[in-house]
N, C-alpha and C. Protein backbone atom coordinates (compact mmCIF):
# COMPACT_ATOMS: atom_id res chain seq x y z
N MET A 1 16.35 -2.45 -7.99
CA MET A 1 16.96 -2.82 -6.74
C MET A 1 16.55 -1.82 -5.66
N ILE A 2 16.23 -2.34 -4.50
CA ILE A 2 15.80 -1.48 -3.40
C ILE A 2 16.82 -1.56 -2.28
N VAL A 3 17.06 -0.44 -1.62
CA VAL A 3 18.06 -0.37 -0.56
C VAL A 3 17.41 0.23 0.69
N LYS A 4 17.63 -0.40 1.83
CA LYS A 4 17.16 0.17 3.09
C LYS A 4 18.11 1.29 3.47
N ILE A 5 17.57 2.50 3.70
CA ILE A 5 18.43 3.65 3.97
C ILE A 5 18.29 4.20 5.38
N ALA A 6 17.23 3.83 6.09
CA ALA A 6 17.05 4.32 7.47
C ALA A 6 16.01 3.47 8.17
N GLU A 7 16.03 3.51 9.50
CA GLU A 7 15.01 2.80 10.26
C GLU A 7 14.89 3.39 11.66
N GLY A 8 13.76 3.13 12.28
CA GLY A 8 13.50 3.60 13.63
C GLY A 8 12.16 3.05 14.10
N ASN A 9 11.69 3.50 15.24
CA ASN A 9 10.41 3.04 15.77
C ASN A 9 9.37 4.14 15.64
N LEU A 10 8.12 3.73 15.50
CA LEU A 10 7.02 4.66 15.32
C LEU A 10 5.84 4.21 16.17
N LYS A 11 5.39 5.07 17.06
CA LYS A 11 4.21 4.80 17.87
C LYS A 11 2.99 5.35 17.13
N THR A 12 1.96 4.51 16.98
CA THR A 12 0.72 4.92 16.32
C THR A 12 -0.44 4.63 17.25
N LYS A 13 -1.62 5.08 16.88
CA LYS A 13 -2.79 4.77 17.70
C LYS A 13 -3.17 3.30 17.59
N PHE A 14 -2.48 2.57 16.72
CA PHE A 14 -2.71 1.13 16.56
C PHE A 14 -1.50 0.32 17.01
N GLY A 15 -0.68 0.87 17.87
CA GLY A 15 0.47 0.15 18.39
C GLY A 15 1.78 0.67 17.84
N GLU A 16 2.86 0.04 18.27
CA GLU A 16 4.19 0.47 17.87
C GLU A 16 4.71 -0.38 16.72
N TYR A 17 5.30 0.29 15.76
CA TYR A 17 5.87 -0.35 14.58
C TYR A 17 7.36 -0.04 14.50
N HIS A 18 8.07 -0.92 13.84
CA HIS A 18 9.45 -0.64 13.45
C HIS A 18 9.37 -0.14 12.01
N GLU A 19 9.83 1.07 11.78
CA GLU A 19 9.76 1.69 10.45
C GLU A 19 11.08 1.51 9.72
N MET A 20 10.98 1.10 8.47
CA MET A 20 12.15 1.00 7.60
C MET A 20 11.88 1.83 6.35
N MET A 21 12.85 2.62 5.97
CA MET A 21 12.75 3.46 4.79
C MET A 21 13.63 2.86 3.70
N PHE A 22 13.05 2.74 2.50
CA PHE A 22 13.76 2.15 1.37
C PHE A 22 13.82 3.16 0.23
N TYR A 23 14.81 2.96 -0.63
CA TYR A 23 14.97 3.83 -1.81
C TYR A 23 15.34 2.96 -3.00
N ASP A 24 14.66 3.20 -4.12
CA ASP A 24 14.90 2.40 -5.33
C ASP A 24 15.63 3.17 -6.42
N GLY A 25 16.17 4.33 -6.07
CA GLY A 25 16.86 5.16 -7.05
C GLY A 25 15.99 6.28 -7.59
N GLN A 26 14.68 6.18 -7.33
CA GLN A 26 13.76 7.23 -7.77
C GLN A 26 12.78 7.66 -6.68
N LYS A 27 12.28 6.68 -5.93
CA LYS A 27 11.26 6.98 -4.92
C LYS A 27 11.60 6.32 -3.59
N GLU A 28 11.09 6.94 -2.54
CA GLU A 28 11.18 6.37 -1.21
C GLU A 28 9.93 5.53 -0.94
N SER A 29 10.10 4.45 -0.22
CA SER A 29 9.01 3.61 0.23
C SER A 29 9.25 3.29 1.69
N PHE A 30 8.18 2.93 2.39
CA PHE A 30 8.29 2.66 3.81
C PHE A 30 7.66 1.31 4.15
N ALA A 31 8.26 0.63 5.09
CA ALA A 31 7.66 -0.57 5.66
C ALA A 31 7.49 -0.34 7.15
N LEU A 32 6.28 -0.53 7.62
CA LEU A 32 6.00 -0.51 9.05
C LEU A 32 5.79 -1.95 9.47
N VAL A 33 6.61 -2.42 10.39
CA VAL A 33 6.56 -3.82 10.80
C VAL A 33 6.21 -3.90 12.27
N MET A 34 5.17 -4.65 12.57
CA MET A 34 4.80 -4.90 13.96
C MET A 34 5.15 -6.34 14.29
N GLY A 35 5.88 -6.52 15.36
CA GLY A 35 6.22 -7.86 15.83
C GLY A 35 7.35 -8.50 15.04
N ASP A 36 7.64 -9.75 15.37
CA ASP A 36 8.70 -10.50 14.72
C ASP A 36 8.12 -11.23 13.52
N VAL A 37 8.48 -10.82 12.33
CA VAL A 37 7.91 -11.40 11.11
C VAL A 37 8.93 -12.17 10.27
N LYS A 38 10.20 -12.04 10.60
CA LYS A 38 11.25 -12.70 9.81
C LYS A 38 11.06 -14.22 9.85
N ASP A 39 11.11 -14.84 8.68
CA ASP A 39 10.96 -16.28 8.51
C ASP A 39 9.60 -16.80 8.96
N GLU A 40 8.61 -15.93 9.02
CA GLU A 40 7.25 -16.32 9.44
C GLU A 40 6.34 -16.48 8.22
N ASN A 41 5.29 -17.28 8.40
CA ASN A 41 4.29 -17.53 7.36
C ASN A 41 3.00 -16.77 7.65
N ASP A 42 2.27 -16.51 6.57
CA ASP A 42 0.92 -15.93 6.65
C ASP A 42 0.88 -14.60 7.41
N ILE A 43 1.88 -13.78 7.21
CA ILE A 43 1.95 -12.47 7.87
C ILE A 43 0.96 -11.52 7.18
N LEU A 44 0.12 -10.87 7.98
CA LEU A 44 -0.79 -9.87 7.41
C LEU A 44 0.05 -8.76 6.79
N CYS A 45 -0.33 -8.36 5.58
CA CYS A 45 0.45 -7.35 4.86
C CYS A 45 -0.48 -6.45 4.06
N ARG A 46 -0.36 -5.17 4.28
CA ARG A 46 -1.08 -4.16 3.50
C ARG A 46 -0.06 -3.44 2.64
N VAL A 47 -0.24 -3.48 1.31
CA VAL A 47 0.55 -2.67 0.39
C VAL A 47 -0.34 -1.50 0.03
N HIS A 48 0.09 -0.30 0.38
CA HIS A 48 -0.78 0.87 0.33
C HIS A 48 -0.10 2.00 -0.44
N SER A 49 -0.83 2.61 -1.35
CA SER A 49 -0.30 3.74 -2.12
C SER A 49 -0.72 5.05 -1.47
N SER A 50 0.12 6.05 -1.61
CA SER A 50 -0.15 7.35 -1.01
C SER A 50 -1.44 7.95 -1.56
N CYS A 51 -2.08 8.75 -0.71
CA CYS A 51 -3.31 9.45 -1.09
C CYS A 51 -3.37 10.75 -0.30
N ILE A 52 -2.99 11.82 -0.94
CA ILE A 52 -2.96 13.12 -0.28
C ILE A 52 -4.35 13.50 0.23
N PHE A 53 -5.37 13.34 -0.61
CA PHE A 53 -6.72 13.71 -0.20
C PHE A 53 -7.18 12.92 1.02
N GLY A 54 -7.01 11.62 0.99
CA GLY A 54 -7.52 10.76 2.06
C GLY A 54 -6.72 10.85 3.34
N HIS A 55 -5.40 10.87 3.24
CA HIS A 55 -4.56 10.81 4.44
C HIS A 55 -4.23 12.18 5.03
N HIS A 56 -4.10 13.17 4.21
CA HIS A 56 -3.71 14.49 4.73
C HIS A 56 -4.90 15.43 4.90
N PHE A 57 -5.87 15.31 4.01
CA PHE A 57 -6.99 16.25 4.04
C PHE A 57 -8.30 15.61 4.50
N ASN A 58 -8.26 14.33 4.90
CA ASN A 58 -9.44 13.62 5.41
C ASN A 58 -10.63 13.67 4.46
N SER A 59 -10.35 13.50 3.19
CA SER A 59 -11.40 13.50 2.17
C SER A 59 -12.39 12.37 2.43
N ILE A 60 -13.64 12.63 2.11
CA ILE A 60 -14.67 11.58 2.18
C ILE A 60 -15.00 11.05 0.79
N GLU A 61 -14.20 11.45 -0.19
CA GLU A 61 -14.41 11.01 -1.57
C GLU A 61 -13.66 9.73 -1.91
N CYS A 62 -12.86 9.23 -1.00
CA CYS A 62 -12.17 7.96 -1.21
C CYS A 62 -12.11 7.21 0.11
N ASP A 63 -11.71 5.96 0.05
CA ASP A 63 -11.67 5.15 1.27
C ASP A 63 -10.24 4.78 1.66
N CYS A 64 -9.26 5.51 1.17
CA CYS A 64 -7.86 5.19 1.45
C CYS A 64 -7.53 5.21 2.93
N ARG A 65 -7.95 6.25 3.62
CA ARG A 65 -7.66 6.38 5.04
C ARG A 65 -8.31 5.23 5.82
N GLU A 66 -9.55 4.91 5.46
CA GLU A 66 -10.25 3.83 6.14
C GLU A 66 -9.58 2.48 5.90
N GLN A 67 -9.11 2.25 4.66
CA GLN A 67 -8.42 1.00 4.38
C GLN A 67 -7.15 0.87 5.20
N MET A 68 -6.43 1.96 5.36
CA MET A 68 -5.21 1.93 6.18
C MET A 68 -5.56 1.66 7.64
N GLU A 69 -6.59 2.32 8.15
CA GLU A 69 -6.98 2.12 9.55
C GLU A 69 -7.43 0.69 9.80
N ILE A 70 -8.24 0.15 8.90
CA ILE A 70 -8.69 -1.24 9.05
C ILE A 70 -7.49 -2.18 9.05
N SER A 71 -6.56 -1.94 8.15
CA SER A 71 -5.36 -2.78 8.07
C SER A 71 -4.56 -2.72 9.37
N GLN A 72 -4.36 -1.52 9.89
CA GLN A 72 -3.60 -1.39 11.13
C GLN A 72 -4.34 -2.01 12.31
N GLN A 73 -5.65 -1.92 12.33
CA GLN A 73 -6.43 -2.56 13.40
C GLN A 73 -6.28 -4.07 13.34
N LEU A 74 -6.34 -4.63 12.12
CA LEU A 74 -6.19 -6.08 11.96
C LEU A 74 -4.79 -6.54 12.37
N ILE A 75 -3.79 -5.77 12.00
CA ILE A 75 -2.41 -6.10 12.37
C ILE A 75 -2.24 -6.01 13.89
N GLN A 76 -2.80 -4.97 14.48
CA GLN A 76 -2.72 -4.83 15.94
C GLN A 76 -3.38 -6.02 16.63
N LYS A 77 -4.54 -6.43 16.14
CA LYS A 77 -5.25 -7.57 16.73
C LYS A 77 -4.42 -8.85 16.61
N GLU A 78 -3.74 -9.01 15.46
CA GLU A 78 -2.91 -10.19 15.22
C GLU A 78 -1.61 -10.13 16.02
N GLY A 79 -1.17 -8.91 16.34
CA GLY A 79 0.08 -8.75 17.09
C GLY A 79 1.32 -8.67 16.23
N LYS A 80 1.14 -8.85 14.92
CA LYS A 80 2.26 -8.71 13.99
C LYS A 80 1.72 -8.53 12.59
N GLY A 81 2.52 -7.87 11.77
CA GLY A 81 2.14 -7.63 10.39
C GLY A 81 2.97 -6.52 9.79
N ILE A 82 2.69 -6.25 8.52
CA ILE A 82 3.49 -5.29 7.76
C ILE A 82 2.57 -4.37 6.96
N VAL A 83 2.90 -3.09 6.99
CA VAL A 83 2.29 -2.11 6.09
C VAL A 83 3.41 -1.58 5.21
N ILE A 84 3.23 -1.67 3.91
CA ILE A 84 4.20 -1.09 2.96
C ILE A 84 3.52 0.10 2.30
N TRP A 85 4.18 1.25 2.41
CA TRP A 85 3.66 2.51 1.88
C TRP A 85 4.47 2.88 0.64
N LEU A 86 3.78 2.97 -0.49
CA LEU A 86 4.43 3.31 -1.76
C LEU A 86 4.01 4.70 -2.21
N ASP A 87 4.94 5.45 -2.75
CA ASP A 87 4.67 6.79 -3.26
C ASP A 87 4.08 6.67 -4.67
N GLN A 88 2.75 6.44 -4.71
CA GLN A 88 2.08 6.23 -6.00
C GLN A 88 0.73 6.95 -6.00
N GLU A 89 0.77 8.22 -5.73
CA GLU A 89 -0.43 9.05 -5.67
C GLU A 89 -1.25 8.92 -6.96
N GLY A 90 -2.55 8.97 -6.83
CA GLY A 90 -3.44 8.95 -8.00
C GLY A 90 -3.29 7.70 -8.84
N LYS A 91 -3.24 6.54 -8.16
CA LYS A 91 -3.03 5.25 -8.83
C LYS A 91 -1.79 5.27 -9.72
N GLY A 92 -0.76 5.96 -9.22
CA GLY A 92 0.51 6.01 -9.92
C GLY A 92 0.58 7.08 -11.00
N ASN A 93 -0.50 7.81 -11.21
CA ASN A 93 -0.52 8.87 -12.22
C ASN A 93 -0.15 10.23 -11.66
N GLY A 94 -0.12 10.36 -10.35
CA GLY A 94 0.20 11.62 -9.70
C GLY A 94 -1.04 12.40 -9.30
N HIS A 95 -0.82 13.39 -8.47
CA HIS A 95 -1.92 14.19 -7.95
C HIS A 95 -2.56 15.05 -9.04
N TYR A 96 -1.77 15.47 -10.00
CA TYR A 96 -2.30 16.26 -11.12
C TYR A 96 -3.41 15.48 -11.84
N ALA A 97 -3.18 14.21 -12.09
CA ALA A 97 -4.19 13.39 -12.76
C ALA A 97 -5.47 13.31 -11.93
N LEU A 98 -5.30 13.24 -10.62
CA LEU A 98 -6.47 13.19 -9.75
C LEU A 98 -7.28 14.48 -9.86
N LEU A 99 -6.59 15.60 -9.85
CA LEU A 99 -7.29 16.89 -9.97
C LEU A 99 -7.94 17.04 -11.35
N LYS A 100 -7.21 16.67 -12.39
CA LYS A 100 -7.74 16.78 -13.76
C LYS A 100 -8.98 15.90 -13.96
N SER A 101 -9.02 14.76 -13.32
CA SER A 101 -10.11 13.81 -13.52
C SER A 101 -11.32 14.09 -12.64
N ALA A 102 -11.21 15.06 -11.74
CA ALA A 102 -12.27 15.33 -10.77
C ALA A 102 -13.61 15.65 -11.43
N ILE A 103 -13.58 16.33 -12.55
CA ILE A 103 -14.83 16.68 -13.23
C ILE A 103 -15.61 15.43 -13.66
N TYR A 104 -14.90 14.41 -14.09
CA TYR A 104 -15.55 13.16 -14.49
C TYR A 104 -16.03 12.39 -13.26
N LYS A 105 -15.24 12.42 -12.22
CA LYS A 105 -15.60 11.74 -10.97
C LYS A 105 -16.90 12.32 -10.42
N LYS A 106 -17.06 13.65 -10.51
CA LYS A 106 -18.27 14.30 -10.02
C LYS A 106 -19.49 13.92 -10.85
N GLN A 107 -19.27 13.50 -12.09
CA GLN A 107 -20.36 13.05 -12.95
C GLN A 107 -20.71 11.58 -12.71
N GLY A 108 -20.02 10.95 -11.76
CA GLY A 108 -20.30 9.57 -11.43
C GLY A 108 -19.45 8.55 -12.15
N VAL A 109 -18.46 9.02 -12.91
CA VAL A 109 -17.56 8.11 -13.62
C VAL A 109 -16.60 7.48 -12.59
N PRO A 110 -16.42 6.16 -12.61
CA PRO A 110 -15.45 5.55 -11.69
C PRO A 110 -14.06 6.16 -11.88
N GLN A 111 -13.29 6.21 -10.79
CA GLN A 111 -11.99 6.89 -10.82
C GLN A 111 -11.08 6.40 -11.93
N ALA A 112 -10.99 5.09 -12.12
CA ALA A 112 -10.10 4.55 -13.16
C ALA A 112 -10.48 5.08 -14.54
N GLU A 113 -11.76 5.08 -14.84
CA GLU A 113 -12.22 5.58 -16.14
C GLU A 113 -12.05 7.10 -16.25
N ALA A 114 -12.18 7.79 -15.12
CA ALA A 114 -11.97 9.24 -15.11
C ALA A 114 -10.52 9.58 -15.47
N TYR A 115 -9.58 8.76 -14.99
CA TYR A 115 -8.18 8.97 -15.37
C TYR A 115 -8.01 8.81 -16.87
N GLU A 116 -8.60 7.77 -17.42
CA GLU A 116 -8.49 7.54 -18.87
C GLU A 116 -9.11 8.69 -19.66
N ALA A 117 -10.19 9.25 -19.17
CA ALA A 117 -10.88 10.33 -19.88
C ALA A 117 -10.00 11.57 -20.03
N VAL A 118 -9.02 11.73 -19.13
CA VAL A 118 -8.12 12.90 -19.23
C VAL A 118 -6.72 12.50 -19.68
N GLY A 119 -6.59 11.29 -20.24
CA GLY A 119 -5.33 10.90 -20.88
C GLY A 119 -4.34 10.13 -20.05
N PHE A 120 -4.75 9.62 -18.91
CA PHE A 120 -3.85 8.84 -18.06
C PHE A 120 -4.27 7.37 -18.07
N LYS A 121 -3.43 6.51 -17.52
CA LYS A 121 -3.76 5.09 -17.40
C LYS A 121 -4.76 4.90 -16.27
N LYS A 122 -5.59 3.86 -16.42
CA LYS A 122 -6.55 3.53 -15.36
C LYS A 122 -5.84 3.29 -14.03
N ASP A 123 -4.78 2.56 -14.10
CA ASP A 123 -4.00 2.24 -12.90
C ASP A 123 -2.55 2.09 -13.32
N ASN A 124 -1.74 3.05 -12.95
CA ASN A 124 -0.34 3.09 -13.37
C ASN A 124 0.60 2.69 -12.23
N ARG A 125 0.06 2.03 -11.22
CA ARG A 125 0.89 1.65 -10.08
C ARG A 125 1.75 0.44 -10.41
N ASP A 126 2.88 0.35 -9.71
CA ASP A 126 3.80 -0.76 -9.86
C ASP A 126 4.14 -1.25 -8.45
N PHE A 127 3.87 -2.52 -8.19
CA PHE A 127 4.05 -3.07 -6.85
C PHE A 127 5.33 -3.90 -6.71
N ARG A 128 6.22 -3.83 -7.71
CA ARG A 128 7.46 -4.61 -7.64
C ARG A 128 8.32 -4.23 -6.44
N SER A 129 8.37 -2.95 -6.11
CA SER A 129 9.19 -2.54 -4.97
C SER A 129 8.66 -3.14 -3.67
N ALA A 130 7.35 -3.35 -3.58
CA ALA A 130 6.79 -4.00 -2.39
C ALA A 130 7.32 -5.42 -2.27
N ALA A 131 7.43 -6.12 -3.39
CA ALA A 131 7.99 -7.48 -3.38
C ALA A 131 9.44 -7.45 -2.91
N ASP A 132 10.21 -6.49 -3.41
CA ASP A 132 11.61 -6.36 -2.99
C ASP A 132 11.73 -6.08 -1.49
N ILE A 133 10.84 -5.23 -0.99
CA ILE A 133 10.85 -4.90 0.44
C ILE A 133 10.52 -6.15 1.27
N LEU A 134 9.52 -6.90 0.84
CA LEU A 134 9.15 -8.11 1.58
C LEU A 134 10.28 -9.12 1.60
N LYS A 135 11.01 -9.23 0.50
CA LYS A 135 12.19 -10.12 0.47
C LYS A 135 13.25 -9.63 1.45
N GLU A 136 13.47 -8.32 1.49
CA GLU A 136 14.44 -7.73 2.41
C GLU A 136 14.05 -7.99 3.87
N ILE A 137 12.77 -7.90 4.16
CA ILE A 137 12.28 -8.13 5.52
C ILE A 137 12.40 -9.60 5.89
N GLY A 138 12.25 -10.48 4.91
CA GLY A 138 12.48 -11.91 5.14
C GLY A 138 11.29 -12.74 5.57
N VAL A 139 10.08 -12.31 5.19
CA VAL A 139 8.92 -13.14 5.52
C VAL A 139 8.86 -14.32 4.55
N LYS A 140 8.29 -15.45 5.02
CA LYS A 140 8.15 -16.61 4.14
C LYS A 140 6.91 -16.51 3.27
N SER A 141 5.80 -16.04 3.86
CA SER A 141 4.56 -15.87 3.09
C SER A 141 3.70 -14.80 3.77
N ILE A 142 2.78 -14.25 2.97
CA ILE A 142 1.91 -13.20 3.49
C ILE A 142 0.46 -13.50 3.18
N LYS A 143 -0.39 -12.90 3.99
CA LYS A 143 -1.82 -12.84 3.72
C LYS A 143 -2.10 -11.36 3.47
N MET A 144 -2.51 -11.05 2.25
CA MET A 144 -2.64 -9.64 1.86
C MET A 144 -3.96 -9.04 2.33
N LEU A 145 -3.85 -7.84 2.86
CA LEU A 145 -5.02 -7.04 3.21
C LEU A 145 -5.29 -6.14 2.02
N THR A 146 -6.16 -6.63 1.12
CA THR A 146 -6.38 -5.91 -0.14
C THR A 146 -7.69 -6.30 -0.78
N ASN A 147 -8.15 -5.40 -1.64
CA ASN A 147 -9.29 -5.66 -2.52
C ASN A 147 -8.81 -5.73 -3.97
N ASN A 148 -7.50 -5.67 -4.18
CA ASN A 148 -6.93 -5.49 -5.51
C ASN A 148 -6.15 -6.73 -5.97
N PRO A 149 -6.70 -7.49 -6.93
CA PRO A 149 -6.00 -8.68 -7.41
C PRO A 149 -4.68 -8.36 -8.11
N ASN A 150 -4.51 -7.14 -8.65
CA ASN A 150 -3.25 -6.78 -9.31
C ASN A 150 -2.08 -6.77 -8.33
N LYS A 151 -2.34 -6.39 -7.09
CA LYS A 151 -1.28 -6.42 -6.08
C LYS A 151 -0.83 -7.85 -5.84
N VAL A 152 -1.79 -8.74 -5.68
CA VAL A 152 -1.48 -10.15 -5.45
C VAL A 152 -0.70 -10.72 -6.62
N ASN A 153 -1.17 -10.46 -7.84
CA ASN A 153 -0.51 -10.99 -9.04
C ASN A 153 0.92 -10.49 -9.17
N THR A 154 1.13 -9.19 -8.96
CA THR A 154 2.48 -8.63 -9.09
C THR A 154 3.42 -9.21 -8.04
N LEU A 155 2.98 -9.29 -6.80
CA LEU A 155 3.85 -9.84 -5.76
C LEU A 155 4.17 -11.30 -6.04
N THR A 156 3.17 -12.06 -6.47
CA THR A 156 3.38 -13.48 -6.79
C THR A 156 4.38 -13.63 -7.94
N GLU A 157 4.21 -12.80 -8.99
CA GLU A 157 5.12 -12.84 -10.14
C GLU A 157 6.56 -12.53 -9.74
N HIS A 158 6.73 -11.80 -8.64
CA HIS A 158 8.07 -11.42 -8.19
C HIS A 158 8.53 -12.22 -6.98
N GLY A 159 7.98 -13.43 -6.84
CA GLY A 159 8.52 -14.37 -5.88
C GLY A 159 7.97 -14.35 -4.47
N ILE A 160 6.91 -13.60 -4.22
CA ILE A 160 6.30 -13.56 -2.89
C ILE A 160 5.17 -14.58 -2.83
N ILE A 161 5.17 -15.38 -1.80
CA ILE A 161 4.10 -16.36 -1.62
C ILE A 161 2.94 -15.68 -0.90
N VAL A 162 1.82 -15.59 -1.60
CA VAL A 162 0.60 -14.99 -1.05
C VAL A 162 -0.36 -16.13 -0.76
N THR A 163 -0.63 -16.37 0.52
CA THR A 163 -1.45 -17.51 0.92
C THR A 163 -2.94 -17.19 0.97
N GLY A 164 -3.29 -15.91 0.81
CA GLY A 164 -4.69 -15.53 0.83
C GLY A 164 -4.83 -14.02 0.86
N THR A 165 -6.08 -13.59 0.81
CA THR A 165 -6.37 -12.15 0.89
C THR A 165 -7.50 -11.93 1.89
N GLN A 166 -7.53 -10.73 2.39
CA GLN A 166 -8.62 -10.30 3.25
C GLN A 166 -8.98 -8.89 2.83
N PRO A 167 -10.23 -8.66 2.40
CA PRO A 167 -10.61 -7.31 1.96
C PRO A 167 -10.51 -6.30 3.10
N THR A 168 -10.30 -5.05 2.72
CA THR A 168 -10.21 -3.96 3.70
C THR A 168 -11.32 -2.95 3.44
N ILE A 169 -12.49 -3.46 3.13
CA ILE A 169 -13.62 -2.57 2.87
C ILE A 169 -14.45 -2.40 4.13
N LEU A 170 -15.13 -1.30 4.19
CA LEU A 170 -15.98 -1.00 5.37
C LEU A 170 -17.26 -1.78 5.31
């Protein structure tokens, strides 16, 4: 169960959003909503996991920051949309797993396999809270800004109507 615990407005370089903070009993999640999306169809939606390297340290070893920027640009162009930020660093394995797996990543091993090489799951993220947040916000259907079919599958399994996807690759 997810509970909205705070809200306010946030000005970004891609326009102004209404920010909502949610708590599921263990982690905080955020929804940034641009425009009126309640009871609307085909709302652009980015479900995004935290990335310390990409967002805080401007790493060039991942594309997390770029995916977020592309998503916000698309939402700004549309005039409405949602970004859901989940605390799932390192594909849900944590930052420690990311650091431990770096040696394999430098050898050219894809990140998911690098996690497995050091004893973690390829992708340990859970997108159920994003579905709960979308229900709380009250959209009828979304168009996901994603390259990840697991996000679409999880949201669909939890009652969210996903009418399509749009990749967020450069």
